[in-house]
Amino acid sequence: MVGYTGGDKPWPTYQSIQDHTEAVRIEFNPDRITYRDILDVIFKSASPFSKSWSMQYQSGVWWLDEEQRSVINQKVKEVEERTSKKVKMEISKAKKFYRAEEYHQKYYEK
């Protein structure tokens, strides 16, 4: 599901996103795929080494609990050691997620 997260303004929309980031909420079964596996895909497909000029389009990972936070920190450490580059993507505690407007859902299929 696509939506908005990271900001404080309630009920953002595409026209009034303000301090939120466009995001994808991933719900998964840990018996079928691990959180670490999901992070591997995110780090390969996002831009972890550059800070976006816009909060709306920044790369980021938002954690729900200390276990996820620990896995993210391990992944960041490994990536930085392997590449000798600093990870600059947003990494923070998850805030409320707001579902985006219907015309944003499954946009790639349209």
N, C-alpha and C. Protein backbone atom coordinates (compact mmCIF):
# COMPACT_ATOMS: atom_id res chain seq x y z
N MET A 1 0.85 -1.17 0.00
CA MET A 1 0.00 0.00 0.00
C MET A 1 0.90 1.23 0.00
N VAL A 2 0.56 2.20 -0.82
CA VAL A 2 1.34 3.44 -0.84
C VAL A 2 0.64 4.50 0.00
N GLY A 3 1.46 5.39 0.53
CA GLY A 3 0.90 6.44 1.37
C GLY A 3 1.96 7.43 1.78
N TYR A 4 1.75 8.02 2.92
CA TYR A 4 2.62 9.09 3.43
C TYR A 4 2.97 8.80 4.89
N THR A 5 4.21 9.09 5.26
CA THR A 5 4.63 8.88 6.64
C THR A 5 5.78 9.82 6.99
N GLY A 6 6.10 9.86 8.27
CA GLY A 6 7.26 10.61 8.72
C GLY A 6 6.98 12.01 9.20
N GLY A 7 5.82 12.53 8.87
CA GLY A 7 5.51 13.91 9.24
C GLY A 7 4.57 14.01 10.43
N ASP A 8 4.24 15.23 10.77
CA ASP A 8 3.36 15.47 11.91
C ASP A 8 1.97 15.96 11.51
N LYS A 9 1.82 16.48 10.29
CA LYS A 9 0.52 16.99 9.86
C LYS A 9 -0.44 15.82 9.60
N PRO A 10 -1.62 15.84 10.22
CA PRO A 10 -2.57 14.74 9.99
C PRO A 10 -3.17 14.78 8.59
N TRP A 11 -3.44 13.60 8.05
CA TRP A 11 -4.11 13.40 6.77
C TRP A 11 -3.50 14.17 5.61
N PRO A 12 -2.23 13.93 5.32
CA PRO A 12 -1.62 14.58 4.16
C PRO A 12 -2.22 14.03 2.86
N THR A 13 -2.13 14.82 1.83
CA THR A 13 -2.51 14.38 0.48
C THR A 13 -1.35 14.72 -0.44
N TYR A 14 -1.42 14.27 -1.67
CA TYR A 14 -0.35 14.57 -2.63
C TYR A 14 -0.21 16.08 -2.81
N GLN A 15 -1.32 16.79 -2.76
CA GLN A 15 -1.29 18.24 -2.92
C GLN A 15 -0.85 18.97 -1.66
N SER A 16 -0.93 18.31 -0.51
CA SER A 16 -0.57 18.98 0.75
C SER A 16 0.30 18.08 1.62
N ILE A 17 1.34 17.52 1.00
CA ILE A 17 2.17 16.52 1.69
C ILE A 17 3.01 17.13 2.81
N GLN A 18 3.46 18.35 2.65
CA GLN A 18 4.26 19.10 3.63
C GLN A 18 5.44 18.32 4.19
N ASP A 19 5.38 17.87 5.44
CA ASP A 19 6.55 17.26 6.09
C ASP A 19 6.56 15.73 6.01
N HIS A 20 5.75 15.14 5.17
CA HIS A 20 5.71 13.69 5.02
C HIS A 20 6.55 13.23 3.83
N THR A 21 6.78 11.93 3.77
CA THR A 21 7.47 11.29 2.66
C THR A 21 6.52 10.30 2.01
N GLU A 22 6.53 10.25 0.69
CA GLU A 22 5.77 9.21 0.01
C GLU A 22 6.42 7.88 0.35
N ALA A 23 5.61 6.89 0.72
CA ALA A 23 6.15 5.65 1.23
C ALA A 23 5.31 4.45 0.78
N VAL A 24 5.91 3.29 0.92
CA VAL A 24 5.22 2.03 0.70
C VAL A 24 5.22 1.29 2.02
N ARG A 25 4.04 0.88 2.46
CA ARG A 25 3.95 0.06 3.67
C ARG A 25 4.01 -1.40 3.25
N ILE A 26 4.95 -2.12 3.82
CA ILE A 26 5.15 -3.53 3.47
C ILE A 26 4.67 -4.39 4.63
N GLU A 27 3.69 -5.21 4.35
CA GLU A 27 3.23 -6.20 5.32
C GLU A 27 3.75 -7.55 4.84
N PHE A 28 4.37 -8.31 5.75
CA PHE A 28 4.99 -9.55 5.32
C PHE A 28 4.84 -10.64 6.37
N ASN A 29 4.99 -11.87 5.92
CA ASN A 29 4.95 -13.03 6.78
C ASN A 29 6.40 -13.43 7.06
N PRO A 30 6.89 -13.28 8.29
CA PRO A 30 8.29 -13.58 8.59
C PRO A 30 8.64 -15.07 8.43
N ASP A 31 7.64 -15.94 8.28
CA ASP A 31 7.92 -17.34 7.99
C ASP A 31 8.27 -17.55 6.52
N ARG A 32 7.96 -16.55 5.68
CA ARG A 32 8.22 -16.66 4.25
C ARG A 32 9.36 -15.77 3.79
N ILE A 33 9.55 -14.62 4.43
CA ILE A 33 10.63 -13.69 4.09
C ILE A 33 11.04 -12.95 5.35
N THR A 34 12.32 -12.74 5.51
CA THR A 34 12.79 -12.06 6.72
C THR A 34 12.82 -10.55 6.51
N TYR A 35 12.84 -9.85 7.61
CA TYR A 35 12.98 -8.40 7.56
C TYR A 35 14.30 -8.03 6.90
N ARG A 36 15.33 -8.80 7.19
CA ARG A 36 16.64 -8.57 6.59
C ARG A 36 16.58 -8.70 5.07
N ASP A 37 15.86 -9.70 4.57
CA ASP A 37 15.71 -9.87 3.12
C ASP A 37 15.02 -8.66 2.49
N ILE A 38 14.02 -8.13 3.17
CA ILE A 38 13.33 -6.94 2.67
C ILE A 38 14.29 -5.76 2.64
N LEU A 39 15.08 -5.59 3.70
CA LEU A 39 16.08 -4.51 3.72
C LEU A 39 17.08 -4.64 2.58
N ASP A 40 17.48 -5.86 2.27
CA ASP A 40 18.42 -6.06 1.16
C ASP A 40 17.85 -5.49 -0.14
N VAL A 41 16.58 -5.73 -0.39
CA VAL A 41 15.93 -5.22 -1.60
C VAL A 41 15.85 -3.69 -1.54
N ILE A 42 15.47 -3.15 -0.40
CA ILE A 42 15.36 -1.70 -0.26
C ILE A 42 16.71 -1.03 -0.50
N PHE A 43 17.76 -1.54 0.09
CA PHE A 43 19.07 -0.92 -0.05
C PHE A 43 19.62 -1.05 -1.48
N LYS A 44 19.18 -2.07 -2.22
CA LYS A 44 19.61 -2.22 -3.61
C LYS A 44 18.82 -1.30 -4.54
N SER A 45 17.58 -1.01 -4.20
CA SER A 45 16.73 -0.24 -5.11
C SER A 45 16.58 1.23 -4.74
N ALA A 46 16.91 1.59 -3.51
CA ALA A 46 16.81 2.99 -3.07
C ALA A 46 18.15 3.70 -3.28
N SER A 47 18.24 4.91 -2.82
CA SER A 47 19.47 5.69 -2.91
C SER A 47 19.99 5.93 -1.49
N PRO A 48 20.68 4.95 -0.91
CA PRO A 48 21.07 5.09 0.49
C PRO A 48 22.19 6.09 0.76
N PHE A 49 22.92 6.50 -0.28
CA PHE A 49 24.08 7.36 -0.05
C PHE A 49 23.84 8.84 -0.30
N SER A 50 22.65 9.20 -0.71
CA SER A 50 22.40 10.62 -0.96
C SER A 50 21.18 11.09 -0.19
N LYS A 51 21.26 12.29 0.29
CA LYS A 51 20.14 12.92 0.99
C LYS A 51 19.31 13.64 -0.06
N SER A 52 18.04 13.39 -0.09
CA SER A 52 17.16 14.00 -1.08
C SER A 52 16.98 15.48 -0.81
N TRP A 53 16.75 16.23 -1.87
CA TRP A 53 16.46 17.65 -1.75
C TRP A 53 15.04 17.87 -1.25
N SER A 54 14.24 16.81 -1.24
CA SER A 54 12.83 16.92 -0.85
C SER A 54 12.44 15.80 0.10
N MET A 55 11.81 16.14 1.21
CA MET A 55 11.31 15.12 2.12
C MET A 55 10.30 14.22 1.41
N GLN A 56 9.57 14.77 0.47
CA GLN A 56 8.53 14.01 -0.22
C GLN A 56 9.11 12.79 -0.93
N TYR A 57 10.30 12.92 -1.51
CA TYR A 57 10.86 11.84 -2.34
C TYR A 57 12.11 11.20 -1.75
N GLN A 58 12.40 11.42 -0.49
CA GLN A 58 13.62 10.85 0.10
C GLN A 58 13.52 9.33 0.26
N SER A 59 14.68 8.69 0.20
CA SER A 59 14.75 7.26 0.51
C SER A 59 14.77 7.11 2.02
N GLY A 60 14.09 6.10 2.53
CA GLY A 60 14.07 5.93 3.97
C GLY A 60 13.57 4.57 4.40
N VAL A 61 13.87 4.26 5.65
CA VAL A 61 13.38 3.06 6.31
C VAL A 61 12.91 3.49 7.69
N TRP A 62 11.68 3.13 8.01
CA TRP A 62 11.11 3.49 9.31
C TRP A 62 10.88 2.19 10.08
N TRP A 63 11.40 2.10 11.29
CA TRP A 63 11.31 0.88 12.08
C TRP A 63 10.15 0.96 13.07
N LEU A 64 9.60 -0.23 13.38
CA LEU A 64 8.46 -0.33 14.28
C LEU A 64 8.85 -0.73 15.70
N ASP A 65 9.97 -1.46 15.84
CA ASP A 65 10.37 -1.93 17.16
C ASP A 65 11.89 -2.01 17.23
N GLU A 66 12.40 -2.30 18.40
CA GLU A 66 13.85 -2.33 18.60
C GLU A 66 14.52 -3.45 17.81
N GLU A 67 13.82 -4.54 17.58
CA GLU A 67 14.40 -5.61 16.77
C GLU A 67 14.64 -5.13 15.34
N GLN A 68 13.66 -4.46 14.75
CA GLN A 68 13.84 -3.92 13.40
C GLN A 68 14.94 -2.85 13.39
N ARG A 69 14.96 -2.03 14.40
CA ARG A 69 15.99 -0.99 14.49
C ARG A 69 17.39 -1.62 14.50
N SER A 70 17.56 -2.69 15.25
CA SER A 70 18.84 -3.37 15.33
C SER A 70 19.24 -3.96 13.98
N VAL A 71 18.30 -4.57 13.27
CA VAL A 71 18.58 -5.15 11.96
C VAL A 71 18.98 -4.05 10.97
N ILE A 72 18.28 -2.92 11.02
CA ILE A 72 18.62 -1.79 10.15
C ILE A 72 20.03 -1.31 10.46
N ASN A 73 20.34 -1.12 11.73
CA ASN A 73 21.67 -0.64 12.12
C ASN A 73 22.77 -1.60 11.65
N GLN A 74 22.53 -2.90 11.74
CA GLN A 74 23.49 -3.89 11.25
C GLN A 74 23.69 -3.76 9.75
N LYS A 75 22.57 -3.59 9.02
CA LYS A 75 22.64 -3.46 7.56
C LYS A 75 23.41 -2.20 7.18
N VAL A 76 23.13 -1.09 7.84
CA VAL A 76 23.83 0.17 7.55
C VAL A 76 25.33 -0.01 7.79
N LYS A 77 25.69 -0.61 8.89
CA LYS A 77 27.10 -0.83 9.21
C LYS A 77 27.78 -1.66 8.13
N GLU A 78 27.14 -2.74 7.71
CA GLU A 78 27.70 -3.60 6.66
C GLU A 78 27.87 -2.85 5.35
N VAL A 79 26.86 -2.09 4.95
CA VAL A 79 26.92 -1.34 3.69
C VAL A 79 28.03 -0.30 3.75
N GLU A 80 28.11 0.43 4.85
CA GLU A 80 29.15 1.46 4.97
C GLU A 80 30.55 0.85 4.97
N GLU A 81 30.71 -0.28 5.63
CA GLU A 81 32.03 -0.94 5.64
C GLU A 81 32.40 -1.48 4.26
N ARG A 82 31.43 -2.03 3.55
CA ARG A 82 31.67 -2.60 2.22
C ARG A 82 31.96 -1.53 1.17
N THR A 83 31.30 -0.38 1.28
CA THR A 83 31.41 0.65 0.24
C THR A 83 32.31 1.83 0.63
N SER A 84 32.63 1.94 1.91
CA SER A 84 33.36 3.12 2.43
C SER A 84 32.59 4.41 2.18
N LYS A 85 31.27 4.32 2.11
CA LYS A 85 30.40 5.48 1.94
C LYS A 85 29.44 5.56 3.12
N LYS A 86 29.04 6.78 3.46
CA LYS A 86 28.10 7.02 4.55
C LYS A 86 26.66 6.88 4.04
N VAL A 87 25.86 6.06 4.72
CA VAL A 87 24.44 5.94 4.40
C VAL A 87 23.75 7.21 4.90
N LYS A 88 23.03 7.88 4.00
CA LYS A 88 22.38 9.15 4.34
C LYS A 88 20.86 9.08 4.25
N MET A 89 20.32 7.92 3.91
CA MET A 89 18.87 7.81 3.80
C MET A 89 18.23 7.99 5.17
N GLU A 90 16.99 8.38 5.19
CA GLU A 90 16.24 8.57 6.44
C GLU A 90 16.06 7.23 7.13
N ILE A 91 16.44 7.16 8.39
CA ILE A 91 16.23 5.97 9.21
C ILE A 91 15.72 6.46 10.55
N SER A 92 14.46 6.16 10.84
CA SER A 92 13.88 6.65 12.08
C SER A 92 12.68 5.80 12.50
N LYS A 93 12.21 6.06 13.71
CA LYS A 93 11.05 5.36 14.24
C LYS A 93 9.83 5.71 13.39
N ALA A 94 9.04 4.71 13.12
CA ALA A 94 7.85 4.91 12.30
C ALA A 94 6.85 5.82 13.01
N LYS A 95 6.28 6.70 12.23
CA LYS A 95 5.16 7.51 12.69
C LYS A 95 3.90 6.97 12.01
N LYS A 96 2.81 7.62 12.24
CA LYS A 96 1.54 7.19 11.64
C LYS A 96 1.67 7.15 10.12
N PHE A 97 1.11 6.11 9.53
CA PHE A 97 1.08 5.93 8.08
C PHE A 97 -0.31 6.30 7.58
N TYR A 98 -0.36 7.13 6.55
CA TYR A 98 -1.63 7.54 5.96
C TYR A 98 -1.72 6.97 4.54
N ARG A 99 -2.79 6.26 4.26
CA ARG A 99 -3.00 5.70 2.92
C ARG A 99 -3.13 6.85 1.91
N ALA A 100 -2.44 6.70 0.79
CA ALA A 100 -2.52 7.72 -0.27
C ALA A 100 -3.85 7.60 -1.01
N GLU A 101 -4.13 8.61 -1.78
CA GLU A 101 -5.35 8.64 -2.58
C GLU A 101 -5.41 7.42 -3.49
N GLU A 102 -6.60 7.04 -3.86
CA GLU A 102 -6.80 5.82 -4.63
C GLU A 102 -6.03 5.85 -5.96
N TYR A 103 -5.92 7.00 -6.60
CA TYR A 103 -5.23 7.04 -7.89
C TYR A 103 -3.72 6.77 -7.76
N HIS A 104 -3.18 6.76 -6.53
CA HIS A 104 -1.77 6.41 -6.31
C HIS A 104 -1.59 4.91 -6.09
N GLN A 105 -2.64 4.21 -5.71
CA GLN A 105 -2.54 2.78 -5.42
C GLN A 105 -2.29 1.99 -6.70
N LYS A 106 -1.33 1.05 -6.66
CA LYS A 106 -0.98 0.21 -7.79
C LYS A 106 -0.73 1.03 -9.05
N TYR A 107 -0.07 2.15 -8.87
CA TYR A 107 0.18 3.07 -9.97
C TYR A 107 0.94 2.42 -11.12
N TYR A 108 1.88 1.52 -10.77
CA TYR A 108 2.69 0.86 -11.78
C TYR A 108 1.86 -0.03 -12.69
N GLU A 109 0.67 -0.43 -12.28
CA GLU A 109 -0.20 -1.27 -13.09
C GLU A 109 -1.07 -0.46 -14.05
N LYS A 110 -1.10 0.83 -13.85
CA LYS A 110 -2.01 1.67 -14.66
C LYS A 110 -1.37 2.12 -15.95
